[in-house]
């Protein structure tokens, strides 16, 4: 899965756009995904902090985990 695929799924399922960010950052109370020098970060942004930060080595794993978070599957 790519970030583009993820975006399509989120739009198709009508997930509120303010509940996630596909470009990282620190939006308030949103799930985020972001690529940096260390890999792909997936985290929950709340009050300017990254919580539940997980780092993945590839886009597919990060996007799959992000999708699971949004749909309440990941633990």
PDB file of N, CA and C in Angstrom:
ATOM      1  N   UNK A   1       0.841  -1.171   0.000  1.00  0.00           N
ATOM      2  CA  UNK A   1       0.000   0.000   0.000  1.00  0.00           C
ATOM      3  C   UNK A   1       0.886   1.234   0.000  1.00  0.00           C
ATOM      4  N   UNK A   2       0.496   2.222  -0.773  1.00  0.00           N
ATOM      5  CA  UNK A   2       1.218   3.486  -0.813  1.00  0.00           C
ATOM      6  C   UNK A   2       0.377   4.567  -0.130  1.00  0.00           C
ATOM      7  N   UNK A   3       0.987   5.709   0.067  1.00  0.00           N
ATOM      8  CA  UNK A   3       0.260   6.827   0.661  1.00  0.00           C
ATOM      9  C   UNK A   3      -0.900   7.259  -0.239  1.00  0.00           C
ATOM     10  N   UNK A   4      -0.708   7.156  -1.547  1.00  0.00           N
ATOM     11  CA  UNK A   4      -1.784   7.464  -2.503  1.00  0.00           C
ATOM     12  C   UNK A   4      -2.954   6.504  -2.312  1.00  0.00           C
ATOM     13  N   UNK A   5      -2.650   5.206  -2.177  1.00  0.00           N
ATOM     14  CA  UNK A   5      -3.695   4.204  -1.931  1.00  0.00           C
ATOM     15  C   UNK A   5      -4.442   4.522  -0.641  1.00  0.00           C
ATOM     16  N   UNK A   6      -3.681   4.869   0.386  1.00  0.00           N
ATOM     17  CA  UNK A   6      -4.252   5.207   1.681  1.00  0.00           C
ATOM     18  C   UNK A   6      -5.207   6.392   1.552  1.00  0.00           C
ATOM     19  N   UNK A   7      -4.791   7.392   0.821  1.00  0.00           N
ATOM     20  CA  UNK A   7      -5.628   8.575   0.623  1.00  0.00           C
ATOM     21  C   UNK A   7      -6.961   8.202  -0.037  1.00  0.00           C
ATOM     22  N   UNK A   8      -6.908   7.347  -1.037  1.00  0.00           N
ATOM     23  CA  UNK A   8      -8.124   6.902  -1.731  1.00  0.00           C
ATOM     24  C   UNK A   8      -9.058   6.177  -0.756  1.00  0.00           C
ATOM     25  N   UNK A   9      -8.505   5.284   0.050  1.00  0.00           N
ATOM     26  CA  UNK A   9      -9.312   4.532   1.013  1.00  0.00           C
ATOM     27  C   UNK A   9      -9.991   5.474   1.996  1.00  0.00           C
ATOM     28  N   UNK A  10      -9.238   6.423   2.531  1.00  0.00           N
ATOM     29  CA  UNK A  10      -9.793   7.359   3.510  1.00  0.00           C
ATOM     30  C   UNK A  10     -10.918   8.199   2.903  1.00  0.00           C
ATOM     31  N   UNK A  11     -10.748   8.607   1.669  1.00  0.00           N
ATOM     32  CA  UNK A  11     -11.789   9.382   0.986  1.00  0.00           C
ATOM     33  C   UNK A  11     -13.018   8.523   0.706  1.00  0.00           C
ATOM     34  N   UNK A  12     -12.802   7.301   0.230  1.00  0.00           N
ATOM     35  CA  UNK A  12     -13.914   6.393  -0.057  1.00  0.00           C
ATOM     36  C   UNK A  12     -14.730   6.073   1.188  1.00  0.00           C
ATOM     37  N   UNK A  13     -14.044   5.905   2.320  1.00  0.00           N
ATOM     38  CA  UNK A  13     -14.719   5.568   3.578  1.00  0.00           C
ATOM     39  C   UNK A  13     -15.247   6.803   4.307  1.00  0.00           C
ATOM     40  N   UNK A  14     -15.035   7.970   3.687  1.00  0.00           N
ATOM     41  CA  UNK A  14     -15.531   9.247   4.230  1.00  0.00           C
ATOM     42  C   UNK A  14     -15.025   9.524   5.656  1.00  0.00           C
ATOM     43  N   UNK A  15     -13.740   9.243   5.863  1.00  0.00           N
ATOM     44  CA  UNK A  15     -13.105   9.553   7.140  1.00  0.00           C
ATOM     45  C   UNK A  15     -12.893  11.066   7.203  1.00  0.00           C
ATOM     46  N   UNK A  16     -13.278  11.666   8.302  1.00  0.00           N
ATOM     47  CA  UNK A  16     -13.144  13.114   8.464  1.00  0.00           C
ATOM     48  C   UNK A  16     -11.702  13.555   8.221  1.00  0.00           C
ATOM     49  N   UNK A  17     -11.535  14.537   7.357  1.00  0.00           N
ATOM     50  CA  UNK A  17     -10.185  14.990   6.994  1.00  0.00           C
ATOM     51  C   UNK A  17      -9.426  15.615   8.149  1.00  0.00           C
ATOM     52  N   UNK A  18     -10.142  16.117   9.151  1.00  0.00           N
ATOM     53  CA  UNK A  18      -9.442  16.723  10.286  1.00  0.00           C
ATOM     54  C   UNK A  18      -8.997  15.679  11.310  1.00  0.00           C
ATOM     55  N   UNK A  19      -9.283  14.398  11.062  1.00  0.00           N
ATOM     56  CA  UNK A  19      -8.876  13.359  12.001  1.00  0.00           C
ATOM     57  C   UNK A  19      -7.546  12.710  11.614  1.00  0.00           C
ATOM     58  N   UNK A  20      -6.959  13.156  10.500  1.00  0.00           N
ATOM     59  CA  UNK A  20      -5.683  12.587  10.069  1.00  0.00           C
ATOM     60  C   UNK A  20      -4.882  13.588   9.243  1.00  0.00           C
ATOM     61  N   UNK A  21      -3.600  13.303   9.132  1.00  0.00           N
ATOM     62  CA  UNK A  21      -2.713  14.088   8.280  1.00  0.00           C
ATOM     63  C   UNK A  21      -1.792  13.132   7.542  1.00  0.00           C
ATOM     64  N   UNK A  22      -1.785  13.237   6.233  1.00  0.00           N
ATOM     65  CA  UNK A  22      -0.897  12.397   5.433  1.00  0.00           C
ATOM     66  C   UNK A  22       0.419  13.109   5.134  1.00  0.00           C
ATOM     67  N   UNK A  23       0.608  14.266   5.741  1.00  0.00           N
ATOM     68  CA  UNK A  23       1.844  15.017   5.542  1.00  0.00           C
ATOM     69  C   UNK A  23       2.536  15.336   6.869  1.00  0.00           C
ATOM     70  N   UNK A  24       2.231  14.540   7.887  1.00  0.00           N
ATOM     71  CA  UNK A  24       2.885  14.724   9.176  1.00  0.00           C
ATOM     72  C   UNK A  24       2.430  15.970   9.889  1.00  0.00           C
ATOM     73  N   UNK A  25       3.355  16.588  10.586  1.00  0.00           N
ATOM     74  CA  UNK A  25       3.047  17.793  11.340  1.00  0.00           C
ATOM     75  C   UNK A  25       2.486  17.457  12.710  1.00  0.00           C
ATOM     76  N   UNK A  26       1.933  18.473  13.336  1.00  0.00           N
ATOM     77  CA  UNK A  26       1.376  18.300  14.673  1.00  0.00           C
ATOM     78  C   UNK A  26      -0.037  18.886  14.772  1.00  0.00           C
ATOM     79  N   UNK A  27      -0.941  18.441  13.900  1.00  0.00           N
ATOM     80  CA  UNK A  27      -2.319  18.913  14.025  1.00  0.00           C
ATOM     81  C   UNK A  27      -2.905  18.387  15.335  1.00  0.00           C
ATOM     82  N   UNK A  28      -3.880  19.067  15.889  1.00  0.00           N
ATOM     83  CA  UNK A  28      -4.444  18.646  17.165  1.00  0.00           C
ATOM     84  C   UNK A  28      -5.384  17.461  16.988  1.00  0.00           C
ATOM     85  N   UNK A  29      -5.130  16.425  17.770  1.00  0.00           N
ATOM     86  CA  UNK A  29      -5.960  15.222  17.821  1.00  0.00           C
ATOM     87  C   UNK A  29      -6.175  14.603  16.441  1.00  0.00           C
ATOM     88  N   UNK A  30      -5.075  14.165  15.828  1.00  0.00           N
ATOM     89  CA  UNK A  30      -5.137  13.557  14.500  1.00  0.00           C
ATOM     90  C   UNK A  30      -4.061  12.485  14.368  1.00  0.00           C
ATOM     91  N   UNK A  31      -4.383  11.441  13.614  1.00  0.00           N
ATOM     92  CA  UNK A  31      -3.398  10.425  13.267  1.00  0.00           C
ATOM     93  C   UNK A  31      -2.549  10.961  12.123  1.00  0.00           C
ATOM     94  N   UNK A  32      -1.258  10.703  12.167  1.00  0.00           N
ATOM     95  CA  UNK A  32      -0.336  11.277  11.186  1.00  0.00           C
ATOM     96  C   UNK A  32       0.608  10.217  10.631  1.00  0.00           C
ATOM     97  N   UNK A  33       1.008  10.453   9.390  1.00  0.00           N
ATOM     98  CA  UNK A  33       2.031   9.633   8.750  1.00  0.00           C
ATOM     99  C   UNK A  33       2.998  10.586   8.062  1.00  0.00           C
ATOM    100  N   UNK A  34       4.286  10.250   8.154  1.00  0.00           N
ATOM    101  CA  UNK A  34       5.298  11.160   7.618  1.00  0.00           C
ATOM    102  C   UNK A  34       6.579  10.375   7.327  1.00  0.00           C
ATOM    103  N   UNK A  35       7.183  10.663   6.188  1.00  0.00           N
ATOM    104  CA  UNK A  35       8.477  10.056   5.862  1.00  0.00           C
ATOM    105  C   UNK A  35       9.580  11.020   6.258  1.00  0.00           C
ATOM    106  N   UNK A  36      10.605  10.495   6.932  1.00  0.00           N
ATOM    107  CA  UNK A  36      11.770  11.312   7.272  1.00  0.00           C
ATOM    108  C   UNK A  36      13.039  10.512   6.994  1.00  0.00           C
ATOM    109  N   UNK A  37      14.165  10.989   7.448  1.00  0.00           N
ATOM    110  CA  UNK A  37      15.456  10.335   7.190  1.00  0.00           C
ATOM    111  C   UNK A  37      15.578   8.954   7.823  1.00  0.00           C
ATOM    112  N   UNK A  38      14.773   8.670   8.842  1.00  0.00           N
ATOM    113  CA  UNK A  38      14.869   7.411   9.575  1.00  0.00           C
ATOM    114  C   UNK A  38      13.870   6.368   9.104  1.00  0.00           C
ATOM    115  N   UNK A  39      12.936   6.762   8.275  1.00  0.00           N
ATOM    116  CA  UNK A  39      11.902   5.843   7.804  1.00  0.00           C
ATOM    117  C   UNK A  39      10.552   6.544   7.791  1.00  0.00           C
ATOM    118  N   UNK A  40       9.522   5.782   8.019  1.00  0.00           N
ATOM    119  CA  UNK A  40       8.147   6.287   8.018  1.00  0.00           C
ATOM    120  C   UNK A  40       7.621   6.339   9.441  1.00  0.00           C
ATOM    121  N   UNK A  41       7.185   7.511   9.877  1.00  0.00           N
ATOM    122  CA  UNK A  41       6.610   7.682  11.208  1.00  0.00           C
ATOM    123  C   UNK A  41       5.090   7.612  11.123  1.00  0.00           C
ATOM    124  N   UNK A  42       4.512   6.921  12.074  1.00  0.00           N
ATOM    125  CA  UNK A  42       3.065   6.921  12.255  1.00  0.00           C
ATOM    126  C   UNK A  42       2.836   7.227  13.729  1.00  0.00           C
ATOM    127  N   UNK A  43       1.970   8.200  14.005  1.00  0.00           N
ATOM    128  CA  UNK A  43       1.756   8.621  15.387  1.00  0.00           C
ATOM    129  C   UNK A  43       0.425   9.341  15.516  1.00  0.00           C
ATOM    130  N   UNK A  44       0.046   9.585  16.761  1.00  0.00           N
ATOM    131  CA  UNK A  44      -1.125  10.389  17.067  1.00  0.00           C
ATOM    132  C   UNK A  44      -0.622  11.727  17.581  1.00  0.00           C
ATOM    133  N   UNK A  45      -1.109  12.790  17.006  1.00  0.00           N
ATOM    134  CA  UNK A  45      -0.692  14.133  17.402  1.00  0.00           C
ATOM    135  C   UNK A  45      -1.739  14.722  18.339  1.00  0.00           C
ATOM    136  N   UNK A  46      -1.263  15.150  19.500  1.00  0.00           N
ATOM    137  CA  UNK A  46      -2.167  15.724  20.487  1.00  0.00           C
ATOM    138  C   UNK A  46      -1.427  16.793  21.275  1.00  0.00           C
ATOM    139  N   UNK A  47      -1.981  17.991  21.280  1.00  0.00           N
ATOM    140  CA  UNK A  47      -1.393  19.110  22.023  1.00  0.00           C
ATOM    141  C   UNK A  47       0.078  19.339  21.692  1.00  0.00           C
ATOM    142  N   UNK A  48       0.415  19.196  20.421  1.00  0.00           N
ATOM    143  CA  UNK A  48       1.780  19.454  19.983  1.00  0.00           C
ATOM    144  C   UNK A  48       2.766  18.344  20.264  1.00  0.00           C
ATOM    145  N   UNK A  49       2.277  17.163  20.645  1.00  0.00           N
ATOM    146  CA  UNK A  49       3.145  16.025  20.944  1.00  0.00           C
ATOM    147  C   UNK A  49       2.813  14.843  20.057  1.00  0.00           C
ATOM    148  N   UNK A  50       3.830  14.045  19.763  1.00  0.00           N
ATOM    149  CA  UNK A  50       3.634  12.793  19.038  1.00  0.00           C
ATOM    150  C   UNK A  50       3.490  11.685  20.067  1.00  0.00           C
ATOM    151  N   UNK A  51       2.344  11.030  20.088  1.00  0.00           N
ATOM    152  CA  UNK A  51       2.157   9.913  20.997  1.00  0.00           C
ATOM    153  C   UNK A  51       1.983   8.631  20.190  1.00  0.00           C
ATOM    154  N   UNK A  52       2.385   7.518  20.794  1.00  0.00           N
ATOM    155  CA  UNK A  52       2.272   6.228  20.130  1.00  0.00           C
ATOM    156  C   UNK A  52       3.121   6.130  18.880  1.00  0.00           C
ATOM    157  N   UNK A  53       4.235   6.835  18.853  1.00  0.00           N
ATOM    158  CA  UNK A  53       5.101   6.881  17.674  1.00  0.00           C
ATOM    159  C   UNK A  53       5.639   5.498  17.323  1.00  0.00           C
ATOM    160  N   UNK A  54       5.453   5.133  16.066  1.00  0.00           N
ATOM    161  CA  UNK A  54       6.030   3.902  15.516  1.00  0.00           C
ATOM    162  C   UNK A  54       6.785   4.291  14.256  1.00  0.00           C
ATOM    163  N   UNK A  55       7.936   3.663  14.055  1.00  0.00           N
ATOM    164  CA  UNK A  55       8.747   3.938  12.872  1.00  0.00           C
ATOM    165  C   UNK A  55       8.844   2.663  12.040  1.00  0.00           C
ATOM    166  N   UNK A  56       8.605   2.818  10.752  1.00  0.00           N
ATOM    167  CA  UNK A  56       8.624   1.693   9.827  1.00  0.00           C
ATOM    168  C   UNK A  56       9.679   1.945   8.766  1.00  0.00           C
ATOM    169  N   UNK A  57      10.248   0.864   8.245  1.00  0.00           N
ATOM    170  CA  UNK A  57      11.295   0.989   7.240  1.00  0.00           C
ATOM    171  C   UNK A  57      10.755   1.166   5.831  1.00  0.00           C
ATOM    172  N   UNK A  58       9.470   0.838   5.622  1.00  0.00           N
ATOM    173  CA  UNK A  58       8.945   1.007   4.277  1.00  0.00           C
ATOM    174  C   UNK A  58       7.524   1.575   4.288  1.00  0.00           C
ATOM    175  N   UNK A  59       7.157   2.139   3.183  1.00  0.00           N
ATOM    176  CA  UNK A  59       5.873   2.823   3.026  1.00  0.00           C
ATOM    177  C   UNK A  59       4.700   1.862   3.204  1.00  0.00           C
ATOM    178  N   UNK A  60       4.804   0.672   2.665  1.00  0.00           N
ATOM    179  CA  UNK A  60       3.713  -0.293   2.756  1.00  0.00           C
ATOM    180  C   UNK A  60       3.351  -0.620   4.202  1.00  0.00           C
ATOM    181  N   UNK A  61       4.343  -0.931   5.008  1.00  0.00           N
ATOM    182  CA  UNK A  61       4.098  -1.263   6.413  1.00  0.00           C
ATOM    183  C   UNK A  61       3.497  -0.081   7.161  1.00  0.00           C
ATOM    184  N   UNK A  62       4.041   1.110   6.918  1.00  0.00           N
ATOM    185  CA  UNK A  62       3.547   2.310   7.591  1.00  0.00           C
ATOM    186  C   UNK A  62       2.095   2.602   7.201  1.00  0.00           C
ATOM    187  N   UNK A  63       1.785   2.513   5.931  1.00  0.00           N
ATOM    188  CA  UNK A  63       0.427   2.806   5.462  1.00  0.00           C
ATOM    189  C   UNK A  63      -0.561   1.757   5.955  1.00  0.00           C
ATOM    190  N   UNK A  64      -0.161   0.511   5.979  1.00  0.00           N
ATOM    191  CA  UNK A  64      -1.040  -0.546   6.481  1.00  0.00           C
ATOM    192  C   UNK A  64      -1.337  -0.332   7.963  1.00  0.00           C
ATOM    193  N   UNK A  65      -0.314  -0.003   8.742  1.00  0.00           N
ATOM    194  CA  UNK A  65      -0.506   0.259  10.167  1.00  0.00           C
ATOM    195  C   UNK A  65      -1.396   1.480  10.375  1.00  0.00           C
ATOM    196  N   UNK A  66      -1.155   2.532   9.598  1.00  0.00           N
ATOM    197  CA  UNK A  66      -1.959   3.750   9.695  1.00  0.00           C
ATOM    198  C   UNK A  66      -3.433   3.433   9.426  1.00  0.00           C
ATOM    199  N   UNK A  67      -3.681   2.661   8.403  1.00  0.00           N
ATOM    200  CA  UNK A  67      -5.044   2.258   8.043  1.00  0.00           C
ATOM    201  C   UNK A  67      -5.680   1.487   9.216  1.00  0.00           C
ATOM    202  N   UNK A  68      -4.928   0.584   9.803  1.00  0.00           N
ATOM    203  CA  UNK A  68      -5.427  -0.172  10.952  1.00  0.00           C
ATOM    204  C   UNK A  68      -5.753   0.748  12.123  1.00  0.00           C
ATOM    205  N   UNK A  69      -4.935   1.760  12.350  1.00  0.00           N
ATOM    206  CA  UNK A  69      -5.208   2.724  13.423  1.00  0.00           C
ATOM    207  C   UNK A  69      -6.522   3.465  13.174  1.00  0.00           C
ATOM    208  N   UNK A  70      -6.684   3.946  11.976  1.00  0.00           N
ATOM    209  CA  UNK A  70      -7.886   4.719  11.630  1.00  0.00           C
ATOM    210  C   UNK A  70      -9.147   3.873  11.804  1.00  0.00           C
ATOM    211  N   UNK A  71      -9.061   2.607  11.433  1.00  0.00           N
ATOM    212  CA  UNK A  71     -10.237   1.748  11.505  1.00  0.00           C
ATOM    213  C   UNK A  71     -10.321   0.945  12.793  1.00  0.00           C
ATOM    214  N   UNK A  72      -9.451   1.292  13.764  1.00  0.00           N
ATOM    215  CA  UNK A  72      -9.534   0.701  15.093  1.00  0.00           C
ATOM    216  C   UNK A  72      -9.052  -0.732  15.197  1.00  0.00           C
ATOM    217  N   UNK A  73      -8.185  -1.156  14.292  1.00  0.00           N
ATOM    218  CA  UNK A  73      -7.708  -2.532  14.288  1.00  0.00           C
ATOM    219  C   UNK A  73      -6.390  -2.659  15.044  1.00  0.00           C
ATOM    220  N   UNK A  74      -5.508  -1.676  14.902  1.00  0.00           N
ATOM    221  CA  UNK A  74      -4.176  -1.732  15.527  1.00  0.00           C
ATOM    222  C   UNK A  74      -4.290  -1.584  17.041  1.00  0.00           C
ATOM    223  N   UNK A  75      -3.353  -2.206  17.735  1.00  0.00           N
ATOM    224  CA  UNK A  75      -3.333  -2.123  19.199  1.00  0.00           C
ATOM    225  C   UNK A  75      -2.075  -1.448  19.656  1.00  0.00           C
TER     226      UNK A  75
END
